[in-house]
């Protein structure tokens, strides 16, 4: 219940009440919230006050307005510093979400000259291509395409990679990914593969991130080419 005589402005009280309901799970992704009129009558405040609270929640990504349909709880975004090395699993956990994965492909393919240079491949070495869909609390968030030296990492072919690949690398191959370089980030449109695997609309904006991951000694581990659902992710530039 809003406190009319409180020093905290009414719109902030309403905003924090709705935000708290989203954070603690009372309001879930896709839930429709009451109309401005309904909230105004329920809390005995003006519609202007309600509108201000709702607009700030929309700007902060907690709510989304759909023309002609109403206002709904938005997907929770995963926050991640763009220049900070953090695995998807750790990023999910840091944001209170449960990570999971589904392996789509494990293939042996030929490297491009750029792949050979970035991964420092020996002559005749191939690439081990591993594609997975990454989920955050059962929502598909990322199409992950990773490329490893087949010569060094072929044991991954026989490992269960539905959990953490990095954990398998560390425990089974004594390789610990610790950093990333050659990172680039751009906006692309969802194509046929992304539409099918990420359950998004054709042409929907996606983050495309390409990076070279290395171990604690600076040796290349894999190239990552990831397609990330834009409405579910927020990258933070390190100051």
Protein backbone atom coordinates (compact mmCIF):
# COMPACT_ATOMS: atom_id res chain seq x y z
CA UNK A 1 0.00 0.00 0.00
CA UNK A 2 1.37 3.42 -0.95
CA UNK A 3 1.92 5.93 1.83
CA UNK A 4 0.41 9.30 0.92
CA UNK A 5 2.28 11.14 3.69
CA UNK A 6 5.69 9.55 3.00
CA UNK A 7 8.64 11.70 1.90
CA UNK A 8 9.27 9.28 -0.97
CA UNK A 9 7.32 10.44 -4.06
CA UNK A 10 4.28 8.30 -4.89
CA UNK A 11 5.52 7.37 -8.37
CA UNK A 12 8.75 5.99 -6.87
CA UNK A 13 6.78 4.01 -4.29
CA UNK A 14 4.65 2.49 -7.06
CA UNK A 15 7.67 1.88 -9.28
CA UNK A 16 9.55 0.07 -6.50
CA UNK A 17 6.47 -1.98 -5.61
CA UNK A 18 6.14 -3.25 -9.20
CA UNK A 19 9.89 -3.74 -9.61
CA UNK A 20 10.03 -5.76 -6.38
CA UNK A 21 7.19 -7.99 -7.61
CA UNK A 22 9.18 -8.69 -10.80
CA UNK A 23 12.48 -9.35 -9.03
CA UNK A 24 11.01 -11.73 -6.45
CA UNK A 25 9.02 -13.65 -9.08
CA UNK A 26 5.48 -12.60 -8.19
CA UNK A 27 5.28 -11.10 -11.68
CA UNK A 28 6.88 -13.28 -14.34
CA UNK A 29 8.02 -12.75 -17.91
CA UNK A 30 5.01 -12.24 -20.15
CA UNK A 31 2.59 -11.30 -17.36
CA UNK A 32 0.36 -8.36 -18.18
CA UNK A 33 0.23 -5.67 -15.50
CA UNK A 34 -2.96 -3.69 -14.70
CA UNK A 35 -3.81 -0.67 -16.84
CA UNK A 36 -2.97 2.88 -15.79
CA UNK A 37 -6.61 3.41 -14.84
CA UNK A 38 -6.73 0.23 -12.77
CA UNK A 39 -3.50 1.11 -10.94
CA UNK A 40 -4.72 4.66 -10.41
CA UNK A 41 -7.95 3.46 -8.81
CA UNK A 42 -6.26 0.71 -6.79
CA UNK A 43 -3.69 3.03 -5.22
CA UNK A 44 -5.84 6.19 -5.22
CA UNK A 45 -3.27 8.20 -7.17
CA UNK A 46 -3.41 10.15 -10.42
CA UNK A 47 -2.86 8.49 -13.80
CA UNK A 48 0.03 10.92 -14.40
CA UNK A 49 1.77 9.47 -11.33
CA UNK A 50 1.13 5.92 -12.56
CA UNK A 51 2.36 6.77 -16.05
CA UNK A 52 5.64 8.18 -14.73
CA UNK A 53 6.34 5.02 -12.72
CA UNK A 54 5.52 2.75 -15.69
CA UNK A 55 7.64 4.76 -18.14
CA UNK A 56 10.70 4.52 -15.89
CA UNK A 57 10.23 0.76 -15.56
CA UNK A 58 9.99 0.52 -19.36
CA UNK A 59 13.17 2.60 -19.77
CA UNK A 60 15.00 0.36 -17.29
CA UNK A 61 13.89 -2.79 -19.14
CA UNK A 62 11.58 -4.29 -16.52
CA UNK A 63 8.42 -3.70 -18.56
CA UNK A 64 7.60 -3.53 -22.26
CA UNK A 65 4.65 -1.78 -23.91
CA UNK A 66 2.86 -3.56 -26.77
CA UNK A 67 0.67 -1.28 -28.83
CA UNK A 68 -3.00 -2.16 -28.55
CA UNK A 69 -2.31 -4.97 -26.07
CA UNK A 70 -1.01 -3.38 -22.86
CA UNK A 71 2.12 -3.43 -20.71
CA UNK A 72 3.93 -6.67 -19.92
CA UNK A 73 6.81 -7.93 -17.81
CA UNK A 74 9.91 -7.98 -19.99
CA UNK A 75 12.57 -10.66 -20.24
CA UNK A 76 15.19 -10.30 -17.57
CA UNK A 77 18.45 -9.14 -19.12
CA UNK A 78 21.79 -10.75 -18.38
CA UNK A 79 24.33 -8.05 -17.55
CA UNK A 80 27.93 -8.62 -18.58
CA UNK A 81 30.96 -6.38 -18.89
CA UNK A 82 32.07 -6.49 -22.49
CA UNK A 83 35.80 -6.45 -21.71
CA UNK A 84 35.55 -8.78 -18.73
CA UNK A 85 36.08 -12.53 -19.17
CA UNK A 86 33.04 -14.27 -17.76
CA UNK A 87 31.54 -17.56 -18.90
CA UNK A 88 27.86 -17.74 -19.83
CA UNK A 89 27.17 -20.00 -16.86
CA UNK A 90 28.82 -17.58 -14.44
CA UNK A 91 27.00 -14.61 -16.04
CA UNK A 92 23.66 -16.36 -15.53
CA UNK A 93 24.43 -17.22 -11.92
CA UNK A 94 25.55 -13.65 -11.23
CA UNK A 95 22.14 -12.47 -12.44
CA UNK A 96 20.10 -15.02 -10.49
CA UNK A 97 19.32 -17.25 -13.49
CA UNK A 98 19.84 -20.99 -14.01
CA UNK A 99 22.13 -21.85 -16.95
CA UNK A 100 21.71 -24.94 -19.14
CA UNK A 101 22.78 -26.08 -22.62
CA UNK A 102 21.83 -28.34 -25.50
CA UNK A 103 24.47 -29.63 -27.91
CA UNK A 104 23.36 -29.23 -31.53
CA UNK A 105 26.49 -30.24 -33.45
CA UNK A 106 29.93 -31.80 -32.97
CA UNK A 107 31.80 -31.77 -36.27
CA UNK A 108 35.32 -31.91 -37.65
CA UNK A 109 35.82 -29.19 -40.26
CA UNK A 110 38.66 -27.54 -42.14
CA UNK A 111 40.08 -24.26 -40.79
CA UNK A 112 40.34 -21.03 -42.74
CA UNK A 113 43.72 -19.26 -42.90
CA UNK A 114 42.42 -16.86 -40.24
CA UNK A 115 41.45 -19.77 -37.96
CA UNK A 116 44.93 -21.25 -38.38
CA UNK A 117 46.55 -17.96 -37.43
CA UNK A 118 44.32 -17.19 -34.42
CA UNK A 119 44.51 -20.71 -32.94
CA UNK A 120 48.17 -21.21 -33.94
CA UNK A 121 47.28 -24.52 -35.60
CA UNK A 122 49.90 -26.97 -36.83
CA UNK A 123 49.90 -27.83 -40.53
CA UNK A 124 47.31 -30.52 -41.21
CA UNK A 125 45.32 -29.81 -38.04
CA UNK A 126 41.53 -29.56 -38.36
CA UNK A 127 38.89 -27.75 -36.35
CA UNK A 128 36.52 -29.30 -33.84
CA UNK A 129 33.26 -27.38 -34.20
CA UNK A 130 30.87 -27.52 -31.26
CA UNK A 131 27.51 -25.76 -31.49
CA UNK A 132 25.21 -25.39 -28.51
CA UNK A 133 22.08 -23.48 -27.56
CA UNK A 134 22.51 -21.82 -24.17
CA UNK A 135 19.49 -21.32 -21.93
CA UNK A 136 18.87 -18.99 -18.99
CA UNK A 137 16.12 -20.42 -16.76
CA UNK A 138 14.74 -22.43 -19.74
CA UNK A 139 14.72 -19.47 -22.18
CA UNK A 140 17.04 -19.82 -25.23
CA UNK A 141 19.46 -16.90 -25.02
CA UNK A 142 22.50 -17.75 -27.11
CA UNK A 143 23.55 -19.81 -30.12
CA UNK A 144 27.13 -20.68 -29.27
CA UNK A 145 29.58 -21.70 -32.01
CA UNK A 146 33.01 -22.72 -30.69
CA UNK A 147 36.03 -23.79 -32.74
CA UNK A 148 38.90 -25.78 -31.18
CA UNK A 149 42.06 -27.37 -32.47
CA UNK A 150 41.03 -30.95 -33.26
CA UNK A 151 44.54 -32.22 -32.53
CA UNK A 152 44.51 -30.83 -28.98
CA UNK A 153 40.86 -31.01 -28.04
CA UNK A 154 39.45 -34.08 -29.86
CA UNK A 155 38.57 -35.77 -26.50
CA UNK A 156 35.67 -33.29 -26.30
CA UNK A 157 33.93 -35.40 -28.95
CA UNK A 158 33.28 -38.06 -26.33
CA UNK A 159 32.36 -35.78 -23.45
CA UNK A 160 28.92 -34.69 -22.23
CA UNK A 161 28.90 -30.98 -23.01
CA UNK A 162 25.35 -30.16 -21.93
CA UNK A 163 26.88 -28.64 -18.80
CA UNK A 164 30.01 -26.44 -18.67
CA UNK A 165 32.59 -26.97 -21.44
CA UNK A 166 35.11 -24.99 -19.39
CA UNK A 167 34.65 -27.34 -16.45
CA UNK A 168 35.33 -30.32 -18.74
CA UNK A 169 38.42 -28.59 -20.15
CA UNK A 170 39.78 -27.94 -16.67
CA UNK A 171 38.96 -31.31 -15.11
CA UNK A 172 39.64 -33.64 -18.06
CA UNK A 173 42.25 -31.81 -20.15
CA UNK A 174 43.92 -29.61 -17.53
CA UNK A 175 43.15 -26.48 -19.57
CA UNK A 176 41.77 -23.43 -17.78
CA UNK A 177 40.35 -20.63 -19.97
CA UNK A 178 41.08 -17.37 -18.19
CA UNK A 179 40.83 -14.52 -20.68
CA UNK A 180 39.68 -13.31 -24.07
CA UNK A 181 41.13 -11.15 -26.81
CA UNK A 182 40.30 -10.16 -30.38
CA UNK A 183 36.74 -9.50 -29.16
CA UNK A 184 34.25 -7.82 -31.48
CA UNK A 185 30.56 -7.04 -31.00
CA UNK A 186 27.99 -6.03 -33.60
CA UNK A 187 24.27 -6.14 -34.30
CA UNK A 188 23.00 -8.64 -36.88
CA UNK A 189 19.58 -9.92 -37.96
CA UNK A 190 18.33 -13.40 -37.12
CA UNK A 191 18.58 -15.79 -40.05
CA UNK A 192 16.92 -19.16 -40.59
CA UNK A 193 19.19 -21.06 -38.20
CA UNK A 194 18.85 -18.52 -35.39
CA UNK A 195 15.07 -18.34 -35.86
CA UNK A 196 14.79 -22.10 -35.45
CA UNK A 197 17.20 -22.56 -32.55
CA UNK A 198 16.59 -19.37 -30.54
CA UNK A 199 12.83 -19.16 -31.11
CA UNK A 200 12.99 -15.59 -32.40
CA UNK A 201 11.33 -13.84 -35.32
CA UNK A 202 13.07 -13.64 -38.68
CA UNK A 203 15.12 -10.46 -38.82
CA UNK A 204 15.06 -9.89 -35.06
CA UNK A 205 18.16 -7.98 -33.85
CA UNK A 206 20.83 -10.19 -32.26
CA UNK A 207 24.19 -9.41 -30.73
CA UNK A 208 26.97 -11.15 -32.63
CA UNK A 209 30.11 -11.54 -30.55
CA UNK A 210 33.33 -13.04 -31.83
CA UNK A 211 36.21 -13.66 -29.47
CA UNK A 212 39.45 -15.60 -29.05
CA UNK A 213 39.66 -17.32 -25.66
CA UNK A 214 43.06 -18.18 -24.19
CA UNK A 215 44.38 -20.01 -21.14
CA UNK A 216 46.38 -18.70 -18.17
CA UNK A 217 49.58 -18.91 -20.24
CA UNK A 218 48.15 -16.89 -23.11
CA UNK A 219 47.79 -19.93 -25.39
CA UNK A 220 44.67 -19.93 -27.63
CA UNK A 221 41.92 -22.32 -26.52
CA UNK A 222 39.06 -21.65 -28.93
CA UNK A 223 37.35 -19.14 -31.19
CA UNK A 224 33.81 -18.25 -30.14
CA UNK A 225 31.17 -16.92 -32.52
CA UNK A 226 27.99 -16.30 -30.54
CA UNK A 227 24.53 -15.07 -31.53
CA UNK A 228 22.77 -13.56 -28.51
CA UNK A 229 19.11 -12.57 -28.19
CA UNK A 230 19.26 -8.78 -27.97
CA UNK A 231 16.30 -8.25 -25.67
CA UNK A 232 17.78 -10.61 -23.09
CA UNK A 233 21.31 -9.24 -22.81
CA UNK A 234 22.92 -5.98 -21.75
CA UNK A 235 26.64 -5.42 -22.21
CA UNK A 236 28.35 -2.95 -19.89
CA UNK A 237 31.39 -1.01 -21.03
CA UNK A 238 34.11 -1.10 -18.39
CA UNK A 239 35.00 2.38 -17.19
